[in-house]
Structures are given as structure tokens and as C-alpha cells.
Amino acid sequence: MIGYVVEREGNKVLIIEAENKNTSIWLSGAPEEIRIGQEIKVNYDGVVFFSNPAQAELGDYEIIRKVQ
């Protein structure tokens, strides 16, 4: 999934998908280098809970665009 970090709470980040703004997911286990405003490519680790927004553990990630 490629999206934007729109919120952070402790080690969790909320990502809104770039292609479909109605799709979002809370990912736990996010390191401090992931910050609000960044564009990021993420994979999930383990089970995805399909709440609204969905919830999962952060797997591999790549920061596409950093914020200043």
C-alpha cells in the first residue's frame, strides 16, 4: 500500500491510501523516523483487523517522500 501518514499516536501511525482516500489503516510498531506528512509504501505483518480504519502490525516499509 502506498499512502500518507496523517496521524501518529505513540508507536502507531494512521496511513491513508494515496489512490483511494476512503481506505486507511492504523499500523503499530512504527519507528520514530515515520512522521506525519510523509508518503510511504508499507506492508503489513501478521493479521489485519478489518475495523474502520483497519489495524495491523507494520512490516516492511519505504519512505517515498520525507517531510522537512
Protein backbone atom coordinates (compact mmCIF):
# COMPACT_ATOMS: atom_id res chain seq x y z
CA MET A 1 0.00 0.00 0.00
CA ILE A 2 1.24 3.49 -0.80
CA GLY A 3 -0.21 6.29 1.26
CA TYR A 4 0.31 9.26 3.53
CA VAL A 5 0.92 9.40 7.27
CA VAL A 6 -1.86 11.58 8.68
CA GLU A 7 -1.70 10.86 12.42
CA ARG A 8 0.65 9.39 14.99
CA GLU A 9 -0.11 8.05 18.49
CA GLY A 10 2.92 6.61 20.26
CA ASN A 11 4.23 3.78 18.08
CA LYS A 12 1.11 3.71 15.85
CA VAL A 13 0.61 5.64 12.60
CA LEU A 14 -2.54 6.18 10.57
CA ILE A 15 -1.97 5.78 6.81
CA ILE A 16 -4.49 6.93 4.20
CA GLU A 17 -4.08 5.21 0.84
CA ALA A 18 -2.91 7.53 -1.97
CA GLU A 19 -5.19 6.01 -4.65
CA ASN A 20 -8.33 5.63 -2.52
CA LYS A 21 -8.71 8.25 0.21
CA ASN A 22 -11.50 6.13 1.77
CA THR A 23 -9.01 3.37 2.68
CA SER A 24 -6.99 3.81 5.86
CA ILE A 25 -5.13 1.64 8.36
CA TRP A 26 -3.55 2.04 11.79
CA LEU A 27 -0.14 0.35 11.85
CA SER A 28 1.59 -0.40 15.15
CA GLY A 29 5.32 -0.81 15.63
CA ALA A 30 6.22 2.32 13.64
CA PRO A 31 9.71 3.72 14.30
CA GLU A 32 10.24 7.42 15.10
CA GLU A 33 11.53 8.12 11.58
CA ILE A 34 7.98 7.71 10.23
CA ARG A 35 6.33 11.12 10.64
CA ILE A 36 3.11 12.90 9.76
CA GLY A 37 3.08 14.19 6.18
CA GLN A 38 5.38 11.54 4.70
CA GLU A 39 4.44 9.49 1.67
CA ILE A 40 5.22 5.87 2.46
CA LYS A 41 4.99 2.37 0.97
CA VAL A 42 4.02 -0.19 3.62
CA ASN A 43 3.49 -3.91 4.02
CA TYR A 44 1.65 -5.48 6.94
CA ASP A 45 2.91 -8.18 9.26
CA GLY A 46 0.52 -10.82 10.57
CA VAL A 47 -3.23 -10.44 10.91
CA VAL A 48 -5.16 -7.43 9.59
CA PHE A 49 -8.17 -6.47 11.68
CA PHE A 50 -10.82 -5.12 9.32
CA SER A 51 -12.26 -2.45 11.57
CA ASN A 52 -12.70 1.07 10.26
CA PRO A 53 -9.93 2.03 9.96
CA ALA A 54 -8.22 -1.34 9.67
CA GLN A 55 -5.43 -2.26 12.12
CA ALA A 56 -2.23 -4.27 11.67
CA GLU A 57 1.43 -4.53 12.62
CA LEU A 58 3.86 -2.65 10.38
CA GLY A 59 6.03 -4.92 8.24
CA ASP A 60 8.50 -3.66 5.65
CA TYR A 61 8.26 -0.02 4.67
CA GLU A 62 9.91 2.52 2.41
CA ILE A 63 9.65 6.26 2.91
CA ILE A 64 8.97 7.72 -0.54
CA ARG A 65 8.85 11.40 0.40
CA LYS A 66 10.20 12.80 3.65
CA VAL A 67 8.99 15.93 5.40
CA GLN A 68 11.31 18.70 6.49
